[in-house]
């Protein structure tokens, strides 16, 4: 019995909702195979890398502490 036949028999025993999940999974694998350059879909968090970088230099620990203290004062007063 081939792998395809085993998979077919196994899928026949599953409920419809699980069969549709397997179908969507198989479709996504097929699309990745056809478009390997788009393995990571657009809109994921990986596309946001570097979005929160500061324009100026990295602040020192003291500057961060002062900034956070000012934030807390404004928030709770």
PDB file of N, CA and C in Angstrom:
ATOM      1  N   UNK A   1       0.849  -1.173   0.000  1.00  0.00           N
ATOM      2  CA  UNK A   1       0.000   0.000   0.000  1.00  0.00           C
ATOM      3  C   UNK A   1       0.900   1.243   0.000  1.00  0.00           C
ATOM      4  N   UNK A   2       0.613   2.170  -0.886  1.00  0.00           N
ATOM      5  CA  UNK A   2       1.426   3.374  -0.995  1.00  0.00           C
ATOM      6  C   UNK A   2       1.021   4.389   0.069  1.00  0.00           C
ATOM      7  N   UNK A   3       1.844   5.374   0.221  1.00  0.00           N
ATOM      8  CA  UNK A   3       1.573   6.431   1.189  1.00  0.00           C
ATOM      9  C   UNK A   3       0.280   7.169   0.835  1.00  0.00           C
ATOM     10  N   UNK A   4       0.069   7.382  -0.437  1.00  0.00           N
ATOM     11  CA  UNK A   4      -1.143   8.060  -0.892  1.00  0.00           C
ATOM     12  C   UNK A   4      -2.387   7.257  -0.507  1.00  0.00           C
ATOM     13  N   UNK A   5      -2.334   5.955  -0.680  1.00  0.00           N
ATOM     14  CA  UNK A   5      -3.469   5.106  -0.318  1.00  0.00           C
ATOM     15  C   UNK A   5      -3.705   5.099   1.192  1.00  0.00           C
ATOM     16  N   UNK A   6      -2.635   5.060   1.969  1.00  0.00           N
ATOM     17  CA  UNK A   6      -2.760   5.106   3.425  1.00  0.00           C
ATOM     18  C   UNK A   6      -3.385   6.431   3.871  1.00  0.00           C
ATOM     19  N   UNK A   7      -2.928   7.509   3.271  1.00  0.00           N
ATOM     20  CA  UNK A   7      -3.460   8.828   3.604  1.00  0.00           C
ATOM     21  C   UNK A   7      -4.936   8.919   3.236  1.00  0.00           C
ATOM     22  N   UNK A   8      -5.300   8.395   2.092  1.00  0.00           N
ATOM     23  CA  UNK A   8      -6.689   8.408   1.645  1.00  0.00           C
ATOM     24  C   UNK A   8      -7.587   7.635   2.614  1.00  0.00           C
ATOM     25  N   UNK A   9      -7.130   6.471   3.061  1.00  0.00           N
ATOM     26  CA  UNK A   9      -7.910   5.679   4.015  1.00  0.00           C
ATOM     27  C   UNK A   9      -8.055   6.399   5.345  1.00  0.00           C
ATOM     28  N   UNK A  10      -6.985   7.012   5.789  1.00  0.00           N
ATOM     29  CA  UNK A  10      -7.023   7.738   7.057  1.00  0.00           C
ATOM     30  C   UNK A  10      -7.983   8.921   6.983  1.00  0.00           C
ATOM     31  N   UNK A  11      -7.933   9.660   5.898  1.00  0.00           N
ATOM     32  CA  UNK A  11      -8.794  10.824   5.742  1.00  0.00           C
ATOM     33  C   UNK A  11     -10.262  10.422   5.694  1.00  0.00           C
ATOM     34  N   UNK A  12     -10.566   9.277   5.135  1.00  0.00           N
ATOM     35  CA  UNK A  12     -11.951   8.814   5.062  1.00  0.00           C
ATOM     36  C   UNK A  12     -12.566   8.593   6.443  1.00  0.00           C
ATOM     37  N   UNK A  13     -11.744   8.355   7.451  1.00  0.00           N
ATOM     38  CA  UNK A  13     -12.264   8.092   8.796  1.00  0.00           C
ATOM     39  C   UNK A  13     -12.482   9.369   9.609  1.00  0.00           C
ATOM     40  N   UNK A  14     -12.038  10.506   9.099  1.00  0.00           N
ATOM     41  CA  UNK A  14     -12.112  11.758   9.852  1.00  0.00           C
ATOM     42  C   UNK A  14     -13.430  12.490   9.629  1.00  0.00           C
ATOM     43  N   UNK A  15     -13.834  13.336  10.596  1.00  0.00           N
ATOM     44  CA  UNK A  15     -15.021  14.173  10.397  1.00  0.00           C
ATOM     45  C   UNK A  15     -14.760  15.239   9.332  1.00  0.00           C
ATOM     46  N   UNK A  16     -15.859  15.803   8.788  1.00  0.00           N
ATOM     47  CA  UNK A  16     -15.738  16.751   7.681  1.00  0.00           C
ATOM     48  C   UNK A  16     -14.903  17.974   8.030  1.00  0.00           C
ATOM     49  N   UNK A  17     -15.034  18.510   9.255  1.00  0.00           N
ATOM     50  CA  UNK A  17     -14.273  19.721   9.603  1.00  0.00           C
ATOM     51  C   UNK A  17     -12.765  19.456   9.599  1.00  0.00           C
ATOM     52  N   UNK A  18     -12.365  18.280  10.043  1.00  0.00           N
ATOM     53  CA  UNK A  18     -10.940  17.948  10.021  1.00  0.00           C
ATOM     54  C   UNK A  18     -10.452  17.692   8.600  1.00  0.00           C
ATOM     55  N   UNK A  19     -11.307  17.140   7.768  1.00  0.00           N
ATOM     56  CA  UNK A  19     -10.933  16.914   6.370  1.00  0.00           C
ATOM     57  C   UNK A  19     -10.698  18.257   5.674  1.00  0.00           C
ATOM     58  N   UNK A  20     -11.553  19.254   5.956  1.00  0.00           N
ATOM     59  CA  UNK A  20     -11.363  20.568   5.336  1.00  0.00           C
ATOM     60  C   UNK A  20     -10.080  21.230   5.842  1.00  0.00           C
ATOM     61  N   UNK A  21      -9.721  21.014   7.109  1.00  0.00           N
ATOM     62  CA  UNK A  21      -8.461  21.549   7.623  1.00  0.00           C
ATOM     63  C   UNK A  21      -7.274  20.933   6.891  1.00  0.00           C
ATOM     64  N   UNK A  22      -7.327  19.639   6.667  1.00  0.00           N
ATOM     65  CA  UNK A  22      -6.260  18.960   5.926  1.00  0.00           C
ATOM     66  C   UNK A  22      -6.179  19.489   4.506  1.00  0.00           C
ATOM     67  N   UNK A  23      -7.333  19.725   3.892  1.00  0.00           N
ATOM     68  CA  UNK A  23      -7.366  20.252   2.533  1.00  0.00           C
ATOM     69  C   UNK A  23      -6.701  21.629   2.465  1.00  0.00           C
ATOM     70  N   UNK A  24      -7.046  22.528   3.409  1.00  0.00           N
ATOM     71  CA  UNK A  24      -6.449  23.867   3.412  1.00  0.00           C
ATOM     72  C   UNK A  24      -4.943  23.805   3.651  1.00  0.00           C
ATOM     73  N   UNK A  25      -4.526  22.889   4.526  1.00  0.00           N
ATOM     74  CA  UNK A  25      -3.102  22.699   4.782  1.00  0.00           C
ATOM     75  C   UNK A  25      -2.376  22.235   3.517  1.00  0.00           C
ATOM     76  N   UNK A  26      -2.980  21.259   2.827  1.00  0.00           N
ATOM     77  CA  UNK A  26      -2.370  20.748   1.595  1.00  0.00           C
ATOM     78  C   UNK A  26      -2.294  21.837   0.528  1.00  0.00           C
ATOM     79  N   UNK A  27      -3.336  22.661   0.434  1.00  0.00           N
ATOM     80  CA  UNK A  27      -3.312  23.763  -0.534  1.00  0.00           C
ATOM     81  C   UNK A  27      -2.191  24.750  -0.222  1.00  0.00           C
ATOM     82  N   UNK A  28      -2.012  25.065   1.055  1.00  0.00           N
ATOM     83  CA  UNK A  28      -0.948  26.013   1.417  1.00  0.00           C
ATOM     84  C   UNK A  28       0.427  25.434   1.107  1.00  0.00           C
ATOM     85  N   UNK A  29       0.613  24.140   1.332  1.00  0.00           N
ATOM     86  CA  UNK A  29       1.888  23.507   0.973  1.00  0.00           C
ATOM     87  C   UNK A  29       2.112  23.548  -0.535  1.00  0.00           C
ATOM     88  N   UNK A  30       1.054  23.331  -1.286  1.00  0.00           N
ATOM     89  CA  UNK A  30       1.153  23.361  -2.746  1.00  0.00           C
ATOM     90  C   UNK A  30       1.525  24.764  -3.236  1.00  0.00           C
ATOM     91  N   UNK A  31       0.920  25.788  -2.643  1.00  0.00           N
ATOM     92  CA  UNK A  31       1.234  27.166  -3.036  1.00  0.00           C
ATOM     93  C   UNK A  31       2.672  27.519  -2.700  1.00  0.00           C
ATOM     94  N   UNK A  32       3.155  27.061  -1.549  1.00  0.00           N
ATOM     95  CA  UNK A  32       4.556  27.319  -1.181  1.00  0.00           C
ATOM     96  C   UNK A  32       5.507  26.668  -2.167  1.00  0.00           C
ATOM     97  N   UNK A  33       5.142  25.489  -2.632  1.00  0.00           N
ATOM     98  CA  UNK A  33       5.992  24.778  -3.575  1.00  0.00           C
ATOM     99  C   UNK A  33       6.053  25.519  -4.910  1.00  0.00           C
ATOM    100  N   UNK A  34       4.941  26.111  -5.329  1.00  0.00           N
ATOM    101  CA  UNK A  34       4.912  26.835  -6.590  1.00  0.00           C
ATOM    102  C   UNK A  34       5.553  28.212  -6.488  1.00  0.00           C
ATOM    103  N   UNK A  35       5.506  28.846  -5.312  1.00  0.00           N
ATOM    104  CA  UNK A  35       6.069  30.179  -5.102  1.00  0.00           C
ATOM    105  C   UNK A  35       7.055  30.156  -3.930  1.00  0.00           C
ATOM    106  N   UNK A  36       8.224  29.569  -4.097  1.00  0.00           N
ATOM    107  CA  UNK A  36       9.153  29.462  -2.961  1.00  0.00           C
ATOM    108  C   UNK A  36       9.660  30.809  -2.459  1.00  0.00           C
ATOM    109  N   UNK A  37       9.635  31.845  -3.290  1.00  0.00           N
ATOM    110  CA  UNK A  37      10.113  33.152  -2.844  1.00  0.00           C
ATOM    111  C   UNK A  37       9.150  33.786  -1.851  1.00  0.00           C
ATOM    112  N   UNK A  38       7.911  33.318  -1.801  1.00  0.00           N
ATOM    113  CA  UNK A  38       6.920  33.862  -0.887  1.00  0.00           C
ATOM    114  C   UNK A  38       6.565  32.847   0.192  1.00  0.00           C
ATOM    115  N   UNK A  39       7.578  32.205   0.754  1.00  0.00           N
ATOM    116  CA  UNK A  39       7.341  31.206   1.783  1.00  0.00           C
ATOM    117  C   UNK A  39       6.724  31.824   3.024  1.00  0.00           C
ATOM    118  N   UNK A  40       7.097  33.054   3.339  1.00  0.00           N
ATOM    119  CA  UNK A  40       6.514  33.768   4.463  1.00  0.00           C
ATOM    120  C   UNK A  40       5.502  34.752   3.888  1.00  0.00           C
ATOM    121  N   UNK A  41       4.234  34.587   4.217  1.00  0.00           N
ATOM    122  CA  UNK A  41       3.222  35.464   3.630  1.00  0.00           C
ATOM    123  C   UNK A  41       3.384  36.908   4.078  1.00  0.00           C
ATOM    124  N   UNK A  42       3.010  37.826   3.195  1.00  0.00           N
ATOM    125  CA  UNK A  42       3.084  39.245   3.526  1.00  0.00           C
ATOM    126  C   UNK A  42       2.096  39.539   4.642  1.00  0.00           C
ATOM    127  N   UNK A  43       2.440  40.526   5.461  1.00  0.00           N
ATOM    128  CA  UNK A  43       1.560  40.910   6.542  1.00  0.00           C
ATOM    129  C   UNK A  43       1.884  40.240   7.861  1.00  0.00           C
ATOM    130  N   UNK A  44       2.863  39.357   7.876  1.00  0.00           N
ATOM    131  CA  UNK A  44       3.243  38.730   9.132  1.00  0.00           C
ATOM    132  C   UNK A  44       4.152  39.667   9.911  1.00  0.00           C
ATOM    133  N   UNK A  45       4.422  39.328  11.122  1.00  0.00           N
ATOM    134  CA  UNK A  45       5.249  40.185  11.966  1.00  0.00           C
ATOM    135  C   UNK A  45       6.672  40.333  11.440  1.00  0.00           C
ATOM    136  N   UNK A  46       7.132  39.380  10.645  1.00  0.00           N
ATOM    137  CA  UNK A  46       8.485  39.493  10.116  1.00  0.00           C
ATOM    138  C   UNK A  46       8.613  40.689   9.192  1.00  0.00           C
ATOM    139  N   UNK A  47       7.507  41.102   8.588  1.00  0.00           N
ATOM    140  CA  UNK A  47       7.531  42.269   7.721  1.00  0.00           C
ATOM    141  C   UNK A  47       7.632  43.571   8.490  1.00  0.00           C
ATOM    142  N   UNK A  48       7.419  43.518   9.789  1.00  0.00           N
ATOM    143  CA  UNK A  48       7.467  44.720  10.614  1.00  0.00           C
ATOM    144  C   UNK A  48       8.806  44.913  11.306  1.00  0.00           C
ATOM    145  N   UNK A  49       9.760  44.059  11.016  1.00  0.00           N
ATOM    146  CA  UNK A  49      11.064  44.136  11.665  1.00  0.00           C
ATOM    147  C   UNK A  49      11.680  45.513  11.445  1.00  0.00           C
ATOM    148  N   UNK A  50      12.084  46.160  12.525  1.00  0.00           N
ATOM    149  CA  UNK A  50      12.736  47.460  12.437  1.00  0.00           C
ATOM    150  C   UNK A  50      11.788  48.634  12.421  1.00  0.00           C
ATOM    151  N   UNK A  51      10.489  48.393  12.530  1.00  0.00           N
ATOM    152  CA  UNK A  51       9.527  49.488  12.433  1.00  0.00           C
ATOM    153  C   UNK A  51       9.587  50.398  13.668  1.00  0.00           C
ATOM    154  N   UNK A  52      10.024  49.880  14.791  1.00  0.00           N
ATOM    155  CA  UNK A  52      10.038  50.663  16.024  1.00  0.00           C
ATOM    156  C   UNK A  52      11.417  51.254  16.329  1.00  0.00           C
ATOM    157  N   UNK A  53      12.291  51.292  15.371  1.00  0.00           N
ATOM    158  CA  UNK A  53      13.619  51.850  15.607  1.00  0.00           C
ATOM    159  C   UNK A  53      13.532  53.356  15.798  1.00  0.00           C
ATOM    160  N   UNK A  54      14.368  53.856  16.678  1.00  0.00           N
ATOM    161  CA  UNK A  54      14.439  55.299  16.902  1.00  0.00           C
ATOM    162  C   UNK A  54      15.264  55.946  15.804  1.00  0.00           C
ATOM    163  N   UNK A  55      14.914  57.167  15.490  1.00  0.00           N
ATOM    164  CA  UNK A  55      15.650  57.902  14.463  1.00  0.00           C
ATOM    165  C   UNK A  55      17.011  58.337  14.990  1.00  0.00           C
ATOM    166  N   UNK A  56      17.056  58.664  16.294  1.00  0.00           N
ATOM    167  CA  UNK A  56      18.330  59.099  16.880  1.00  0.00           C
ATOM    168  C   UNK A  56      19.096  57.903  17.437  1.00  0.00           C
ATOM    169  N   UNK A  57      20.164  58.176  18.165  1.00  0.00           N
ATOM    170  CA  UNK A  57      20.994  57.099  18.706  1.00  0.00           C
ATOM    171  C   UNK A  57      20.276  56.375  19.843  1.00  0.00           C
ATOM    172  N   UNK A  58      20.791  55.228  20.212  1.00  0.00           N
ATOM    173  CA  UNK A  58      20.199  54.419  21.276  1.00  0.00           C
ATOM    174  C   UNK A  58      20.410  55.130  22.611  1.00  0.00           C
ATOM    175  N   UNK A  59      19.347  55.305  23.406  1.00  0.00           N
ATOM    176  CA  UNK A  59      19.481  56.017  24.678  1.00  0.00           C
ATOM    177  C   UNK A  59      20.231  55.180  25.719  1.00  0.00           C
ATOM    178  N   UNK A  60      20.842  55.886  26.647  1.00  0.00           N
ATOM    179  CA  UNK A  60      21.558  55.201  27.729  1.00  0.00           C
ATOM    180  C   UNK A  60      20.548  54.681  28.745  1.00  0.00           C
ATOM    181  N   UNK A  61      21.040  53.866  29.688  1.00  0.00           N
ATOM    182  CA  UNK A  61      20.164  53.323  30.725  1.00  0.00           C
ATOM    183  C   UNK A  61      19.541  54.439  31.556  1.00  0.00           C
ATOM    184  N   UNK A  62      20.341  55.455  31.851  1.00  0.00           N
ATOM    185  CA  UNK A  62      19.843  56.576  32.649  1.00  0.00           C
ATOM    186  C   UNK A  62      18.736  57.330  31.895  1.00  0.00           C
ATOM    187  N   UNK A  63      18.923  57.531  30.606  1.00  0.00           N
ATOM    188  CA  UNK A  63      17.909  58.221  29.812  1.00  0.00           C
ATOM    189  C   UNK A  63      16.612  57.405  29.745  1.00  0.00           C
ATOM    190  N   UNK A  64      16.748  56.093  29.605  1.00  0.00           N
ATOM    191  CA  UNK A  64      15.570  55.230  29.594  1.00  0.00           C
ATOM    192  C   UNK A  64      14.827  55.275  30.925  1.00  0.00           C
ATOM    193  N   UNK A  65      15.578  55.266  32.016  1.00  0.00           N
ATOM    194  CA  UNK A  65      14.964  55.316  33.336  1.00  0.00           C
ATOM    195  C   UNK A  65      14.243  56.646  33.529  1.00  0.00           C
ATOM    196  N   UNK A  66      14.860  57.730  33.113  1.00  0.00           N
ATOM    197  CA  UNK A  66      14.237  59.051  33.225  1.00  0.00           C
ATOM    198  C   UNK A  66      12.976  59.123  32.366  1.00  0.00           C
ATOM    199  N   UNK A  67      13.055  58.604  31.160  1.00  0.00           N
ATOM    200  CA  UNK A  67      11.907  58.595  30.253  1.00  0.00           C
ATOM    201  C   UNK A  67      10.751  57.782  30.834  1.00  0.00           C
ATOM    202  N   UNK A  68      11.065  56.644  31.421  1.00  0.00           N
ATOM    203  CA  UNK A  68      10.033  55.797  32.012  1.00  0.00           C
ATOM    204  C   UNK A  68       9.441  56.449  33.260  1.00  0.00           C
ATOM    205  N   UNK A  69      10.273  57.085  34.048  1.00  0.00           N
ATOM    206  CA  UNK A  69       9.789  57.790  35.225  1.00  0.00           C
ATOM    207  C   UNK A  69       8.834  58.910  34.817  1.00  0.00           C
ATOM    208  N   UNK A  70       9.188  59.666  33.807  1.00  0.00           N
ATOM    209  CA  UNK A  70       8.311  60.732  33.305  1.00  0.00           C
ATOM    210  C   UNK A  70       6.986  60.159  32.807  1.00  0.00           C
ATOM    211  N   UNK A  71       7.055  59.035  32.135  1.00  0.00           N
ATOM    212  CA  UNK A  71       5.840  58.380  31.634  1.00  0.00           C
ATOM    213  C   UNK A  71       4.923  58.003  32.794  1.00  0.00           C
ATOM    214  N   UNK A  72       5.487  57.400  33.861  1.00  0.00           N
ATOM    215  CA  UNK A  72       4.676  56.993  35.003  1.00  0.00           C
ATOM    216  C   UNK A  72       4.076  58.191  35.725  1.00  0.00           C
ATOM    217  N   UNK A  73       4.845  59.257  35.831  1.00  0.00           N
ATOM    218  CA  UNK A  73       4.336  60.479  36.475  1.00  0.00           C
ATOM    219  C   UNK A  73       3.150  61.024  35.690  1.00  0.00           C
ATOM    220  N   UNK A  74       3.262  61.092  34.384  1.00  0.00           N
ATOM    221  CA  UNK A  74       2.168  61.598  33.557  1.00  0.00           C
ATOM    222  C   UNK A  74       0.962  60.669  33.604  1.00  0.00           C
ATOM    223  N   UNK A  75       1.204  59.388  33.707  1.00  0.00           N
ATOM    224  CA  UNK A  75       0.116  58.423  33.694  1.00  0.00           C
ATOM    225  C   UNK A  75      -0.693  58.447  34.990  1.00  0.00           C
ATOM    226  N   UNK A  76      -0.024  58.562  36.112  1.00  0.00           N
ATOM    227  CA  UNK A  76      -0.704  58.421  37.403  1.00  0.00           C
ATOM    228  C   UNK A  76      -0.945  59.740  38.142  1.00  0.00           C
ATOM    229  N   UNK A  77      -0.532  60.841  37.608  1.00  0.00           N
ATOM    230  CA  UNK A  77      -0.824  62.125  38.256  1.00  0.00           C
ATOM    231  C   UNK A  77      -1.796  62.947  37.480  1.00  0.00           C
TER     232      UNK A  77
END
